Amino acid sequence: MQRMVADVNNLRWNHPALRSPAGQITHTDRTNNVVALKRWNNAGDVLLIVVHAGDGQWDNTQYAVGLDGDSGSWQEIFNSQAPVYGGVETVGNPGYVLNSSNGQLSISLASWSVHIFAKA
C-alpha cells in the first residue's frame, strides 16, 4: 500500500494534468460499474483515468472506453491491480501503446481497479 501511495503521489507531480482544473467524464457504464474521465492541461499533458468498481474482468483489450471525441495513442502508466501492488500479472496493459479507434480505446480491464493512461 505504501508503494502504491508513493507511486500515485509521483504521478500527480509528474503529470500536471492531475493538478489542472480541466477534466470531463468520457465514459459511463452503469451495468459494469466503469467510469472514465479525461484530465488535461494547456501544455499538452492528457490523461485518461478508468475506474472499475465491479467484479468483471476483460483481458486482451476487450473493453472499449469512450474518449469523447479524442483519438491517438495511449500508454498505461498506472494499474492498481499490477503485481507490484499485489494484483495479478495477467490483466492490464503494461508497456503497450494502444491506438484508439472510432473514438474508443480498447483496453484490458482488471476487476476492482484504477487504470491511468497517458496520451502518447
N, C-alpha and C. Protein backbone atom coordinates (compact mmCIF):
# COMPACT_ATOMS: atom_id res chain seq x y z
N MET A 1 0.82 -1.19 0.00
CA MET A 1 0.00 0.00 0.00
C MET A 1 0.87 1.26 0.00
N GLN A 2 1.96 1.21 0.77
CA GLN A 2 2.84 2.38 0.81
C GLN A 2 3.45 2.66 -0.56
N ARG A 3 3.82 1.62 -1.27
CA ARG A 3 4.38 1.80 -2.60
C ARG A 3 3.34 2.40 -3.54
N MET A 4 2.10 1.92 -3.47
CA MET A 4 1.05 2.45 -4.33
C MET A 4 0.82 3.94 -4.05
N VAL A 5 0.75 4.31 -2.79
CA VAL A 5 0.55 5.72 -2.44
C VAL A 5 1.72 6.56 -2.94
N ALA A 6 2.95 6.07 -2.78
CA ALA A 6 4.12 6.79 -3.28
C ALA A 6 4.06 6.94 -4.79
N ASP A 7 3.68 5.88 -5.49
CA ASP A 7 3.59 5.93 -6.96
C ASP A 7 2.51 6.89 -7.43
N VAL A 8 1.37 6.89 -6.76
CA VAL A 8 0.29 7.80 -7.13
C VAL A 8 0.70 9.25 -6.86
N ASN A 9 1.37 9.50 -5.76
CA ASN A 9 1.86 10.85 -5.48
C ASN A 9 2.85 11.30 -6.53
N ASN A 10 3.75 10.40 -6.96
CA ASN A 10 4.70 10.73 -8.02
C ASN A 10 3.99 11.02 -9.33
N LEU A 11 2.96 10.24 -9.64
CA LEU A 11 2.18 10.51 -10.86
C LEU A 11 1.58 11.91 -10.82
N ARG A 12 1.05 12.26 -9.66
CA ARG A 12 0.42 13.58 -9.52
C ARG A 12 1.42 14.70 -9.79
N TRP A 13 2.64 14.56 -9.30
CA TRP A 13 3.65 15.60 -9.50
C TRP A 13 4.27 15.55 -10.89
N ASN A 14 4.34 14.39 -11.50
CA ASN A 14 4.93 14.27 -12.84
C ASN A 14 3.95 14.56 -13.97
N HIS A 15 2.66 14.62 -13.65
CA HIS A 15 1.64 14.89 -14.66
C HIS A 15 0.79 16.08 -14.21
N PRO A 16 1.11 17.27 -14.73
CA PRO A 16 0.36 18.47 -14.35
C PRO A 16 -1.14 18.37 -14.63
N ALA A 17 -1.54 17.48 -15.55
CA ALA A 17 -2.97 17.31 -15.84
C ALA A 17 -3.74 16.88 -14.60
N LEU A 18 -3.08 16.16 -13.69
CA LEU A 18 -3.74 15.72 -12.46
C LEU A 18 -3.91 16.85 -11.46
N ARG A 19 -3.26 17.98 -11.71
CA ARG A 19 -3.41 19.15 -10.84
C ARG A 19 -4.18 20.27 -11.53
N SER A 20 -4.57 20.04 -12.75
CA SER A 20 -5.30 21.02 -13.55
C SER A 20 -6.80 20.94 -13.25
N PRO A 21 -7.50 22.06 -13.35
CA PRO A 21 -8.95 22.00 -13.16
C PRO A 21 -9.70 21.43 -14.36
N ALA A 22 -9.01 21.24 -15.49
CA ALA A 22 -9.66 20.78 -16.72
C ALA A 22 -9.89 19.27 -16.67
N GLY A 23 -11.13 18.87 -16.87
CA GLY A 23 -11.45 17.46 -16.90
C GLY A 23 -12.88 17.23 -17.33
N GLN A 24 -13.15 16.04 -17.82
CA GLN A 24 -14.51 15.69 -18.21
C GLN A 24 -14.68 14.18 -18.19
N ILE A 25 -15.89 13.76 -17.89
CA ILE A 25 -16.23 12.33 -17.95
C ILE A 25 -16.39 11.96 -19.42
N THR A 26 -15.74 10.88 -19.82
CA THR A 26 -15.79 10.45 -21.22
C THR A 26 -16.55 9.14 -21.41
N HIS A 27 -16.78 8.42 -20.32
CA HIS A 27 -17.37 7.09 -20.44
C HIS A 27 -18.08 6.73 -19.13
N THR A 28 -19.30 6.26 -19.26
CA THR A 28 -20.05 5.77 -18.10
C THR A 28 -20.73 4.46 -18.49
N ASP A 29 -20.44 3.42 -17.74
CA ASP A 29 -21.03 2.10 -17.96
C ASP A 29 -21.61 1.64 -16.62
N ARG A 30 -22.88 1.94 -16.40
CA ARG A 30 -23.52 1.61 -15.12
C ARG A 30 -23.68 0.10 -14.93
N THR A 31 -23.85 -0.63 -16.00
CA THR A 31 -24.02 -2.08 -15.91
C THR A 31 -22.78 -2.75 -15.34
N ASN A 32 -21.61 -2.31 -15.79
CA ASN A 32 -20.35 -2.93 -15.36
C ASN A 32 -19.60 -2.10 -14.33
N ASN A 33 -20.19 -1.00 -13.87
CA ASN A 33 -19.58 -0.13 -12.86
C ASN A 33 -18.24 0.43 -13.29
N VAL A 34 -18.20 1.00 -14.49
CA VAL A 34 -16.98 1.59 -15.03
C VAL A 34 -17.27 3.05 -15.37
N VAL A 35 -16.34 3.92 -14.98
CA VAL A 35 -16.40 5.32 -15.37
C VAL A 35 -14.99 5.74 -15.78
N ALA A 36 -14.92 6.58 -16.81
CA ALA A 36 -13.63 7.10 -17.26
C ALA A 36 -13.72 8.61 -17.37
N LEU A 37 -12.62 9.25 -17.04
CA LEU A 37 -12.56 10.69 -17.19
C LEU A 37 -11.21 11.08 -17.77
N LYS A 38 -11.24 12.17 -18.51
CA LYS A 38 -10.03 12.68 -19.12
C LYS A 38 -9.62 13.94 -18.36
N ARG A 39 -8.32 14.07 -18.09
CA ARG A 39 -7.75 15.26 -17.45
C ARG A 39 -6.66 15.78 -18.36
N TRP A 40 -6.52 17.11 -18.46
CA TRP A 40 -5.51 17.69 -19.32
C TRP A 40 -5.09 19.06 -18.80
N ASN A 41 -3.99 19.54 -19.36
CA ASN A 41 -3.56 20.90 -19.08
C ASN A 41 -3.22 21.57 -20.41
N ASN A 42 -2.90 22.84 -20.38
CA ASN A 42 -2.63 23.59 -21.61
C ASN A 42 -1.27 23.27 -22.22
N ALA A 43 -0.43 22.55 -21.51
CA ALA A 43 0.90 22.20 -22.02
C ALA A 43 0.90 20.87 -22.78
N GLY A 44 -0.25 20.23 -22.92
CA GLY A 44 -0.35 19.01 -23.70
C GLY A 44 -0.33 17.71 -22.92
N ASP A 45 -0.34 17.79 -21.59
CA ASP A 45 -0.41 16.58 -20.78
C ASP A 45 -1.88 16.14 -20.73
N VAL A 46 -2.17 14.97 -21.29
CA VAL A 46 -3.54 14.45 -21.35
C VAL A 46 -3.55 13.04 -20.76
N LEU A 47 -4.44 12.81 -19.79
CA LEU A 47 -4.55 11.51 -19.13
C LEU A 47 -5.98 11.01 -19.20
N LEU A 48 -6.11 9.70 -19.29
CA LEU A 48 -7.41 9.04 -19.20
C LEU A 48 -7.38 8.17 -17.96
N ILE A 49 -8.32 8.39 -17.06
CA ILE A 49 -8.40 7.63 -15.82
C ILE A 49 -9.64 6.76 -15.90
N VAL A 50 -9.45 5.45 -15.76
CA VAL A 50 -10.55 4.48 -15.84
C VAL A 50 -10.70 3.83 -14.47
N VAL A 51 -11.89 3.96 -13.89
CA VAL A 51 -12.18 3.39 -12.58
C VAL A 51 -13.21 2.28 -12.77
N HIS A 52 -12.86 1.08 -12.28
CA HIS A 52 -13.76 -0.06 -12.41
C HIS A 52 -14.09 -0.58 -11.01
N ALA A 53 -15.32 -0.38 -10.59
CA ALA A 53 -15.76 -0.80 -9.26
C ALA A 53 -16.69 -2.01 -9.36
N GLY A 54 -16.19 -3.06 -10.01
CA GLY A 54 -17.00 -4.25 -10.19
C GLY A 54 -16.15 -5.50 -10.32
N ASP A 55 -16.84 -6.64 -10.35
CA ASP A 55 -16.16 -7.94 -10.39
C ASP A 55 -15.75 -8.39 -11.79
N GLY A 56 -16.31 -7.79 -12.82
CA GLY A 56 -15.99 -8.21 -14.19
C GLY A 56 -14.52 -8.00 -14.50
N GLN A 57 -14.06 -8.69 -15.53
CA GLN A 57 -12.67 -8.56 -15.94
C GLN A 57 -12.59 -8.79 -17.44
N TRP A 58 -11.83 -7.96 -18.14
CA TRP A 58 -11.68 -8.06 -19.58
C TRP A 58 -10.20 -8.15 -19.92
N ASP A 59 -9.82 -9.25 -20.55
CA ASP A 59 -8.43 -9.46 -20.98
C ASP A 59 -8.32 -9.12 -22.46
N ASN A 60 -7.10 -9.13 -22.97
CA ASN A 60 -6.83 -8.99 -24.40
C ASN A 60 -7.50 -7.77 -25.04
N THR A 61 -7.45 -6.66 -24.35
CA THR A 61 -8.02 -5.38 -24.80
C THR A 61 -9.47 -5.52 -25.31
N GLN A 62 -10.30 -6.20 -24.53
CA GLN A 62 -11.68 -6.46 -24.93
C GLN A 62 -12.68 -5.44 -24.40
N TYR A 63 -12.25 -4.49 -23.57
CA TYR A 63 -13.18 -3.49 -23.06
C TYR A 63 -12.93 -2.16 -23.76
N ALA A 64 -13.97 -1.58 -24.35
CA ALA A 64 -13.85 -0.32 -25.08
C ALA A 64 -14.31 0.85 -24.20
N VAL A 65 -13.42 1.81 -24.03
CA VAL A 65 -13.69 3.01 -23.23
C VAL A 65 -13.88 4.18 -24.18
N GLY A 66 -14.96 4.94 -23.98
CA GLY A 66 -15.21 6.12 -24.80
C GLY A 66 -14.23 7.23 -24.48
N LEU A 67 -13.76 7.92 -25.52
CA LEU A 67 -12.81 9.02 -25.36
C LEU A 67 -13.43 10.38 -25.60
N ASP A 68 -14.72 10.44 -25.84
CA ASP A 68 -15.44 11.68 -26.08
C ASP A 68 -14.78 12.52 -27.18
N GLY A 69 -14.55 11.87 -28.30
CA GLY A 69 -14.03 12.57 -29.47
C GLY A 69 -12.52 12.63 -29.57
N ASP A 70 -11.80 12.20 -28.56
CA ASP A 70 -10.34 12.21 -28.63
C ASP A 70 -9.86 11.02 -29.46
N SER A 71 -8.62 11.05 -29.84
CA SER A 71 -8.04 9.97 -30.64
C SER A 71 -6.59 9.79 -30.23
N GLY A 72 -5.83 9.12 -31.06
CA GLY A 72 -4.40 8.98 -30.82
C GLY A 72 -4.01 7.71 -30.11
N SER A 73 -2.77 7.71 -29.64
CA SER A 73 -2.19 6.56 -28.95
C SER A 73 -2.11 6.85 -27.46
N TRP A 74 -2.26 5.78 -26.66
CA TRP A 74 -2.28 5.91 -25.21
C TRP A 74 -1.43 4.81 -24.60
N GLN A 75 -0.81 5.11 -23.46
CA GLN A 75 0.01 4.12 -22.77
C GLN A 75 -0.36 4.09 -21.29
N GLU A 76 -0.57 2.89 -20.77
CA GLU A 76 -0.91 2.74 -19.36
C GLU A 76 0.30 3.12 -18.49
N ILE A 77 0.07 4.03 -17.53
CA ILE A 77 1.14 4.45 -16.63
C ILE A 77 0.84 4.06 -15.19
N PHE A 78 -0.36 3.52 -14.94
CA PHE A 78 -0.71 3.06 -13.59
C PHE A 78 -1.81 2.02 -13.70
N ASN A 79 -1.68 0.96 -12.90
CA ASN A 79 -2.70 -0.08 -12.80
C ASN A 79 -2.71 -0.52 -11.33
N SER A 80 -3.78 -0.22 -10.63
CA SER A 80 -3.85 -0.54 -9.20
C SER A 80 -3.83 -2.04 -8.93
N GLN A 81 -4.08 -2.87 -9.95
CA GLN A 81 -4.05 -4.32 -9.79
C GLN A 81 -2.78 -4.93 -10.38
N ALA A 82 -1.74 -4.13 -10.57
CA ALA A 82 -0.46 -4.65 -11.06
C ALA A 82 0.18 -5.55 -10.00
N PRO A 83 1.01 -6.49 -10.42
CA PRO A 83 1.65 -7.41 -9.47
C PRO A 83 2.43 -6.71 -8.37
N VAL A 84 3.03 -5.56 -8.68
CA VAL A 84 3.81 -4.84 -7.68
C VAL A 84 2.94 -4.38 -6.50
N TYR A 85 1.63 -4.29 -6.72
CA TYR A 85 0.69 -3.90 -5.65
C TYR A 85 -0.10 -5.10 -5.14
N GLY A 86 0.27 -6.30 -5.54
CA GLY A 86 -0.42 -7.50 -5.07
C GLY A 86 -1.46 -8.03 -6.03
N GLY A 87 -1.57 -7.43 -7.21
CA GLY A 87 -2.55 -7.88 -8.20
C GLY A 87 -2.00 -9.01 -9.05
N VAL A 88 -2.76 -9.34 -10.09
CA VAL A 88 -2.37 -10.44 -10.98
C VAL A 88 -1.66 -9.90 -12.21
N GLU A 89 -0.71 -10.65 -12.70
CA GLU A 89 0.10 -10.20 -13.83
C GLU A 89 -0.63 -10.29 -15.16
N THR A 90 -1.72 -11.00 -15.22
CA THR A 90 -2.36 -11.27 -16.50
C THR A 90 -3.34 -10.20 -16.95
N VAL A 91 -3.69 -9.23 -16.11
CA VAL A 91 -4.69 -8.24 -16.52
C VAL A 91 -4.10 -6.85 -16.41
N GLY A 92 -4.04 -6.20 -17.54
CA GLY A 92 -3.52 -4.86 -17.60
C GLY A 92 -2.95 -4.61 -18.98
N ASN A 93 -2.31 -3.47 -19.12
CA ASN A 93 -1.79 -3.04 -20.41
C ASN A 93 -0.35 -2.55 -20.26
N PRO A 94 0.50 -3.31 -19.55
CA PRO A 94 1.83 -2.81 -19.21
C PRO A 94 2.74 -2.64 -20.42
N GLY A 95 3.24 -1.44 -20.60
CA GLY A 95 4.20 -1.19 -21.67
C GLY A 95 3.64 -1.11 -23.07
N TYR A 96 2.35 -1.38 -23.24
CA TYR A 96 1.76 -1.37 -24.58
C TYR A 96 1.36 0.06 -24.96
N VAL A 97 1.53 0.39 -26.22
CA VAL A 97 0.96 1.61 -26.77
C VAL A 97 -0.31 1.19 -27.48
N LEU A 98 -1.43 1.70 -27.00
CA LEU A 98 -2.74 1.33 -27.54
C LEU A 98 -3.26 2.46 -28.42
N ASN A 99 -3.76 2.11 -29.58
CA ASN A 99 -4.28 3.10 -30.52
C ASN A 99 -5.80 3.14 -30.45
N SER A 100 -6.33 4.34 -30.40
CA SER A 100 -7.78 4.48 -30.36
C SER A 100 -8.37 4.25 -31.75
N SER A 101 -9.64 3.91 -31.75
CA SER A 101 -10.35 3.67 -33.00
C SER A 101 -11.81 4.07 -32.80
N ASN A 102 -12.32 4.86 -33.72
CA ASN A 102 -13.73 5.29 -33.67
C ASN A 102 -14.09 5.94 -32.33
N GLY A 103 -13.18 6.75 -31.80
CA GLY A 103 -13.46 7.47 -30.55
C GLY A 103 -13.44 6.60 -29.31
N GLN A 104 -12.86 5.40 -29.41
CA GLN A 104 -12.79 4.50 -28.27
C GLN A 104 -11.38 3.94 -28.13
N LEU A 105 -11.05 3.55 -26.90
CA LEU A 105 -9.78 2.91 -26.61
C LEU A 105 -10.08 1.53 -26.05
N SER A 106 -9.59 0.49 -26.72
CA SER A 106 -9.80 -0.88 -26.26
C SER A 106 -8.68 -1.25 -25.30
N ILE A 107 -9.07 -1.64 -24.07
CA ILE A 107 -8.10 -1.92 -23.01
C ILE A 107 -8.41 -3.25 -22.34
N SER A 108 -7.42 -3.76 -21.63
CA SER A 108 -7.66 -4.86 -20.70
C SER A 108 -7.99 -4.21 -19.37
N LEU A 109 -9.05 -4.68 -18.73
CA LEU A 109 -9.55 -4.02 -17.53
C LEU A 109 -9.69 -5.02 -16.39
N ALA A 110 -8.92 -4.80 -15.34
CA ALA A 110 -8.95 -5.68 -14.18
C ALA A 110 -10.16 -5.37 -13.31
N SER A 111 -10.62 -6.35 -12.54
CA SER A 111 -11.70 -6.11 -11.60
C SER A 111 -11.22 -5.21 -10.47
N TRP A 112 -12.10 -4.39 -9.95
CA TRP A 112 -11.83 -3.51 -8.82
C TRP A 112 -10.49 -2.78 -9.00
N SER A 113 -10.42 -1.95 -10.03
CA SER A 113 -9.14 -1.35 -10.39
C SER A 113 -9.26 0.10 -10.82
N VAL A 114 -8.11 0.74 -10.83
CA VAL A 114 -7.95 2.07 -11.43
C VAL A 114 -6.79 1.95 -12.41
N HIS A 115 -7.04 2.36 -13.65
CA HIS A 115 -6.00 2.37 -14.68
C HIS A 115 -5.85 3.82 -15.15
N ILE A 116 -4.62 4.26 -15.33
CA ILE A 116 -4.36 5.59 -15.84
C ILE A 116 -3.53 5.46 -17.11
N PHE A 117 -3.98 6.14 -18.16
CA PHE A 117 -3.31 6.12 -19.45
C PHE A 117 -2.87 7.54 -19.81
N ALA A 118 -1.66 7.67 -20.33
CA ALA A 118 -1.15 8.95 -20.82
C ALA A 118 -1.24 8.95 -22.33
N LYS A 119 -1.67 10.06 -22.88
CA LYS A 119 -1.71 10.18 -24.34
C LYS A 119 -0.28 10.28 -24.85
N ALA A 120 0.04 9.41 -25.79
CA ALA A 120 1.42 9.36 -26.32
C ALA A 120 1.64 10.41 -27.40
